[in-house]
């Protein structure tokens, strides 16, 4: 339990450092955006990385400002892959909870930039650990609106 606490604290500090240094920017690579969400999730979940490696990669992604985004190399994707293997992993759950406030703006920009499907998928990943979160409900409504009325 102490080791999990230390890892959780390390992830918290790395996340805070990313926020303080302003690394929580959203950058979007249109080439990677062409991958379907299923392809992204499947490739990371099927990778040979173990849970500890996935958690380490999530921490690295946070430190580099890759909170959410295209491809499967953002912190949210690594945490989701951990939860695919261990649905109640406390470190991944806590990491996602801490990531949400920093990532909400990036998700909103993603949806507003025409990537509502990916934004909705990310909202669904966060909802695994925060099913009643108001911010997620608002982002979900925004994504659904964009998909329904703008088609993207």
C-alpha atoms as a PDB file:
ATOM      1  CA  UNK A   1       0.000   0.000   0.000  1.00  0.00           C
ATOM      2  CA  UNK A   2       2.881   2.354   0.825  1.00  0.00           C
ATOM      3  CA  UNK A   3       4.392   1.754  -2.630  1.00  0.00           C
ATOM      4  CA  UNK A   4       1.057   2.580  -4.293  1.00  0.00           C
ATOM      5  CA  UNK A   5       0.823   5.747  -2.188  1.00  0.00           C
ATOM      6  CA  UNK A   6       4.345   6.782  -3.236  1.00  0.00           C
ATOM      7  CA  UNK A   7       3.548   6.146  -6.907  1.00  0.00           C
ATOM      8  CA  UNK A   8       0.309   8.095  -6.580  1.00  0.00           C
ATOM      9  CA  UNK A   9       2.150  11.001  -4.964  1.00  0.00           C
ATOM     10  CA  UNK A  10       4.775  10.886  -7.713  1.00  0.00           C
ATOM     11  CA  UNK A  11       2.048  11.047 -10.371  1.00  0.00           C
ATOM     12  CA  UNK A  12       0.432  13.946  -8.491  1.00  0.00           C
ATOM     13  CA  UNK A  13       3.691  15.871  -8.345  1.00  0.00           C
ATOM     14  CA  UNK A  14       4.437  15.213 -11.993  1.00  0.00           C
ATOM     15  CA  UNK A  15       0.945  16.418 -12.907  1.00  0.00           C
ATOM     16  CA  UNK A  16       1.329  19.535 -10.792  1.00  0.00           C
ATOM     17  CA  UNK A  17       4.718  20.220 -12.358  1.00  0.00           C
ATOM     18  CA  UNK A  18       3.177  19.925 -15.812  1.00  0.00           C
ATOM     19  CA  UNK A  19       0.479  22.390 -14.845  1.00  0.00           C
ATOM     20  CA  UNK A  20       2.899  24.857 -13.261  1.00  0.00           C
ATOM     21  CA  UNK A  21       5.242  24.790 -16.230  1.00  0.00           C
ATOM     22  CA  UNK A  22       2.349  25.304 -18.607  1.00  0.00           C
ATOM     23  CA  UNK A  23       2.888  22.029 -20.369  1.00  0.00           C
ATOM     24  CA  UNK A  24      -0.803  21.178 -20.375  1.00  0.00           C
ATOM     25  CA  UNK A  25      -1.231  22.422 -23.908  1.00  0.00           C
ATOM     26  CA  UNK A  26      -3.348  20.674 -26.454  1.00  0.00           C
ATOM     27  CA  UNK A  27      -1.545  19.858 -29.652  1.00  0.00           C
ATOM     28  CA  UNK A  28      -3.304  17.939 -32.307  1.00  0.00           C
ATOM     29  CA  UNK A  29      -1.735  15.916 -35.103  1.00  0.00           C
ATOM     30  CA  UNK A  30      -4.309  15.458 -37.872  1.00  0.00           C
ATOM     31  CA  UNK A  31      -2.515  12.357 -39.139  1.00  0.00           C
ATOM     32  CA  UNK A  32      -2.996  10.577 -35.809  1.00  0.00           C
ATOM     33  CA  UNK A  33      -6.570  11.840 -35.587  1.00  0.00           C
ATOM     34  CA  UNK A  34      -7.474   9.645 -38.533  1.00  0.00           C
ATOM     35  CA  UNK A  35      -7.127   6.539 -36.382  1.00  0.00           C
ATOM     36  CA  UNK A  36     -10.407   5.350 -34.957  1.00  0.00           C
ATOM     37  CA  UNK A  37     -10.799   5.370 -31.187  1.00  0.00           C
ATOM     38  CA  UNK A  38     -11.182   1.588 -31.279  1.00  0.00           C
ATOM     39  CA  UNK A  39      -7.853   1.221 -33.094  1.00  0.00           C
ATOM     40  CA  UNK A  40      -6.154   3.463 -30.548  1.00  0.00           C
ATOM     41  CA  UNK A  41      -7.583   1.664 -27.530  1.00  0.00           C
ATOM     42  CA  UNK A  42      -6.954  -1.791 -28.971  1.00  0.00           C
ATOM     43  CA  UNK A  43      -3.348  -1.114 -29.921  1.00  0.00           C
ATOM     44  CA  UNK A  44      -2.410   0.208 -26.482  1.00  0.00           C
ATOM     45  CA  UNK A  45      -4.357  -2.422 -24.535  1.00  0.00           C
ATOM     46  CA  UNK A  46      -2.814  -5.157 -26.659  1.00  0.00           C
ATOM     47  CA  UNK A  47       0.701  -3.794 -26.275  1.00  0.00           C
ATOM     48  CA  UNK A  48       3.248  -5.803 -24.355  1.00  0.00           C
ATOM     49  CA  UNK A  49       3.496  -3.160 -21.635  1.00  0.00           C
ATOM     50  CA  UNK A  50       2.655  -4.221 -18.105  1.00  0.00           C
ATOM     51  CA  UNK A  51       0.627  -2.155 -15.670  1.00  0.00           C
ATOM     52  CA  UNK A  52       3.689  -0.591 -14.044  1.00  0.00           C
ATOM     53  CA  UNK A  53       5.084   0.391 -17.462  1.00  0.00           C
ATOM     54  CA  UNK A  54       1.731   1.864 -18.520  1.00  0.00           C
ATOM     55  CA  UNK A  55       1.593   3.907 -15.306  1.00  0.00           C
ATOM     56  CA  UNK A  56       5.160   5.099 -15.870  1.00  0.00           C
ATOM     57  CA  UNK A  57       4.268   6.107 -19.437  1.00  0.00           C
ATOM     58  CA  UNK A  58       1.217   7.993 -18.116  1.00  0.00           C
ATOM     59  CA  UNK A  59       3.470   9.945 -15.746  1.00  0.00           C
ATOM     60  CA  UNK A  60       5.884  10.701 -18.575  1.00  0.00           C
ATOM     61  CA  UNK A  61       3.016  11.840 -20.809  1.00  0.00           C
ATOM     62  CA  UNK A  62       1.797  14.209 -18.083  1.00  0.00           C
ATOM     63  CA  UNK A  63       5.289  15.643 -17.636  1.00  0.00           C
ATOM     64  CA  UNK A  64       5.474  16.242 -21.397  1.00  0.00           C
ATOM     65  CA  UNK A  65       2.034  17.873 -21.518  1.00  0.00           C
ATOM     66  CA  UNK A  66       0.376  15.033 -23.430  1.00  0.00           C
ATOM     67  CA  UNK A  67      -2.755  14.894 -21.279  1.00  0.00           C
ATOM     68  CA  UNK A  68      -5.302  14.079 -23.971  1.00  0.00           C
ATOM     69  CA  UNK A  69      -5.001  14.046 -27.703  1.00  0.00           C
ATOM     70  CA  UNK A  70      -4.633  11.933 -30.775  1.00  0.00           C
ATOM     71  CA  UNK A  71      -2.957   8.587 -31.031  1.00  0.00           C
ATOM     72  CA  UNK A  72      -2.549   6.394 -28.012  1.00  0.00           C
ATOM     73  CA  UNK A  73       0.342   8.146 -26.346  1.00  0.00           C
ATOM     74  CA  UNK A  74      -1.507  10.550 -24.066  1.00  0.00           C
ATOM     75  CA  UNK A  75      -1.856  10.132 -20.318  1.00  0.00           C
ATOM     76  CA  UNK A  76      -5.584   9.382 -20.537  1.00  0.00           C
ATOM     77  CA  UNK A  77      -4.922   6.548 -22.993  1.00  0.00           C
ATOM     78  CA  UNK A  78      -2.295   4.976 -20.737  1.00  0.00           C
ATOM     79  CA  UNK A  79      -4.549   5.196 -17.674  1.00  0.00           C
ATOM     80  CA  UNK A  80      -7.465   3.737 -19.655  1.00  0.00           C
ATOM     81  CA  UNK A  81      -5.255   0.839 -20.788  1.00  0.00           C
ATOM     82  CA  UNK A  82      -4.395   0.134 -17.137  1.00  0.00           C
ATOM     83  CA  UNK A  83      -8.098   0.136 -16.253  1.00  0.00           C
ATOM     84  CA  UNK A  84      -8.810  -2.224 -19.163  1.00  0.00           C
ATOM     85  CA  UNK A  85      -6.492  -4.731 -17.484  1.00  0.00           C
ATOM     86  CA  UNK A  86      -7.268  -3.894 -13.846  1.00  0.00           C
ATOM     87  CA  UNK A  87     -10.680  -2.141 -13.675  1.00  0.00           C
ATOM     88  CA  UNK A  88     -10.199  -0.903 -10.105  1.00  0.00           C
ATOM     89  CA  UNK A  89      -6.520   0.052 -10.162  1.00  0.00           C
ATOM     90  CA  UNK A  90      -6.344   2.825  -7.540  1.00  0.00           C
ATOM     91  CA  UNK A  91      -3.339   4.563  -9.093  1.00  0.00           C
ATOM     92  CA  UNK A  92      -4.931   4.792 -12.544  1.00  0.00           C
ATOM     93  CA  UNK A  93      -8.262   5.882 -11.064  1.00  0.00           C
ATOM     94  CA  UNK A  94      -6.618   8.617  -8.995  1.00  0.00           C
ATOM     95  CA  UNK A  95      -4.448   9.665 -11.935  1.00  0.00           C
ATOM     96  CA  UNK A  96      -7.529  10.123 -14.103  1.00  0.00           C
ATOM     97  CA  UNK A  97      -9.305  12.097 -11.378  1.00  0.00           C
ATOM     98  CA  UNK A  98      -6.313  14.422 -11.053  1.00  0.00           C
ATOM     99  CA  UNK A  99      -5.973  14.729 -14.821  1.00  0.00           C
ATOM    100  CA  UNK A 100      -9.560  15.808 -15.485  1.00  0.00           C
ATOM    101  CA  UNK A 101      -9.328  19.443 -14.287  1.00  0.00           C
ATOM    102  CA  UNK A 102      -6.169  19.982 -16.343  1.00  0.00           C
ATOM    103  CA  UNK A 103      -7.567  18.256 -19.441  1.00  0.00           C
ATOM    104  CA  UNK A 104     -11.093  19.717 -19.538  1.00  0.00           C
ATOM    105  CA  UNK A 105     -10.059  22.774 -21.561  1.00  0.00           C
ATOM    106  CA  UNK A 106      -8.157  20.653 -24.069  1.00  0.00           C
ATOM    107  CA  UNK A 107     -11.174  18.374 -24.501  1.00  0.00           C
ATOM    108  CA  UNK A 108     -13.403  21.396 -25.101  1.00  0.00           C
ATOM    109  CA  UNK A 109     -10.978  22.757 -27.731  1.00  0.00           C
ATOM    110  CA  UNK A 110     -10.790  19.333 -29.359  1.00  0.00           C
ATOM    111  CA  UNK A 111     -14.573  19.138 -29.664  1.00  0.00           C
ATOM    112  CA  UNK A 112     -14.806  22.723 -30.895  1.00  0.00           C
ATOM    113  CA  UNK A 113     -12.102  22.077 -33.499  1.00  0.00           C
ATOM    114  CA  UNK A 114     -14.140  19.379 -35.189  1.00  0.00           C
ATOM    115  CA  UNK A 115     -12.927  16.310 -33.328  1.00  0.00           C
ATOM    116  CA  UNK A 116     -16.137  15.721 -31.379  1.00  0.00           C
ATOM    117  CA  UNK A 117     -15.990  11.946 -31.791  1.00  0.00           C
ATOM    118  CA  UNK A 118     -12.550  11.742 -30.153  1.00  0.00           C
ATOM    119  CA  UNK A 119     -13.649  14.247 -27.496  1.00  0.00           C
ATOM    120  CA  UNK A 120     -16.691  12.124 -26.693  1.00  0.00           C
ATOM    121  CA  UNK A 121     -14.484   9.035 -26.451  1.00  0.00           C
ATOM    122  CA  UNK A 122     -12.191  10.821 -23.980  1.00  0.00           C
ATOM    123  CA  UNK A 123     -15.211  11.963 -21.946  1.00  0.00           C
ATOM    124  CA  UNK A 124     -16.313   8.309 -21.804  1.00  0.00           C
ATOM    125  CA  UNK A 125     -12.861   7.264 -20.575  1.00  0.00           C
ATOM    126  CA  UNK A 126     -12.994   9.826 -17.761  1.00  0.00           C
ATOM    127  CA  UNK A 127     -16.572   8.808 -16.926  1.00  0.00           C
ATOM    128  CA  UNK A 128     -15.288   5.359 -15.970  1.00  0.00           C
ATOM    129  CA  UNK A 129     -13.918   6.886 -12.755  1.00  0.00           C
ATOM    130  CA  UNK A 130     -16.115  10.009 -12.457  1.00  0.00           C
ATOM    131  CA  UNK A 131     -19.557   8.942 -13.754  1.00  0.00           C
ATOM    132  CA  UNK A 132     -21.453  11.839 -12.130  1.00  0.00           C
ATOM    133  CA  UNK A 133     -18.992  14.640 -12.895  1.00  0.00           C
ATOM    134  CA  UNK A 134     -20.722  17.851 -14.007  1.00  0.00           C
ATOM    135  CA  UNK A 135     -17.859  18.966 -16.262  1.00  0.00           C
ATOM    136  CA  UNK A 136     -18.006  15.659 -18.120  1.00  0.00           C
ATOM    137  CA  UNK A 137     -21.777  16.010 -18.540  1.00  0.00           C
ATOM    138  CA  UNK A 138     -21.320  19.464 -20.092  1.00  0.00           C
ATOM    139  CA  UNK A 139     -18.526  18.250 -22.382  1.00  0.00           C
ATOM    140  CA  UNK A 140     -20.658  15.263 -23.424  1.00  0.00           C
ATOM    141  CA  UNK A 141     -23.557  17.583 -24.339  1.00  0.00           C
ATOM    142  CA  UNK A 142     -21.207  19.806 -26.338  1.00  0.00           C
ATOM    143  CA  UNK A 143     -19.779  16.815 -28.240  1.00  0.00           C
ATOM    144  CA  UNK A 144     -23.224  15.381 -28.968  1.00  0.00           C
ATOM    145  CA  UNK A 145     -24.398  18.787 -30.186  1.00  0.00           C
ATOM    146  CA  UNK A 146     -21.380  19.094 -32.498  1.00  0.00           C
ATOM    147  CA  UNK A 147     -21.912  15.604 -33.881  1.00  0.00           C
ATOM    148  CA  UNK A 148     -25.649  16.079 -34.352  1.00  0.00           C
ATOM    149  CA  UNK A 149     -25.652  19.549 -35.888  1.00  0.00           C
ATOM    150  CA  UNK A 150     -22.207  19.912 -37.398  1.00  0.00           C
ATOM    151  CA  UNK A 151     -21.485  16.304 -38.257  1.00  0.00           C
ATOM    152  CA  UNK A 152     -18.050  16.333 -36.640  1.00  0.00           C
END
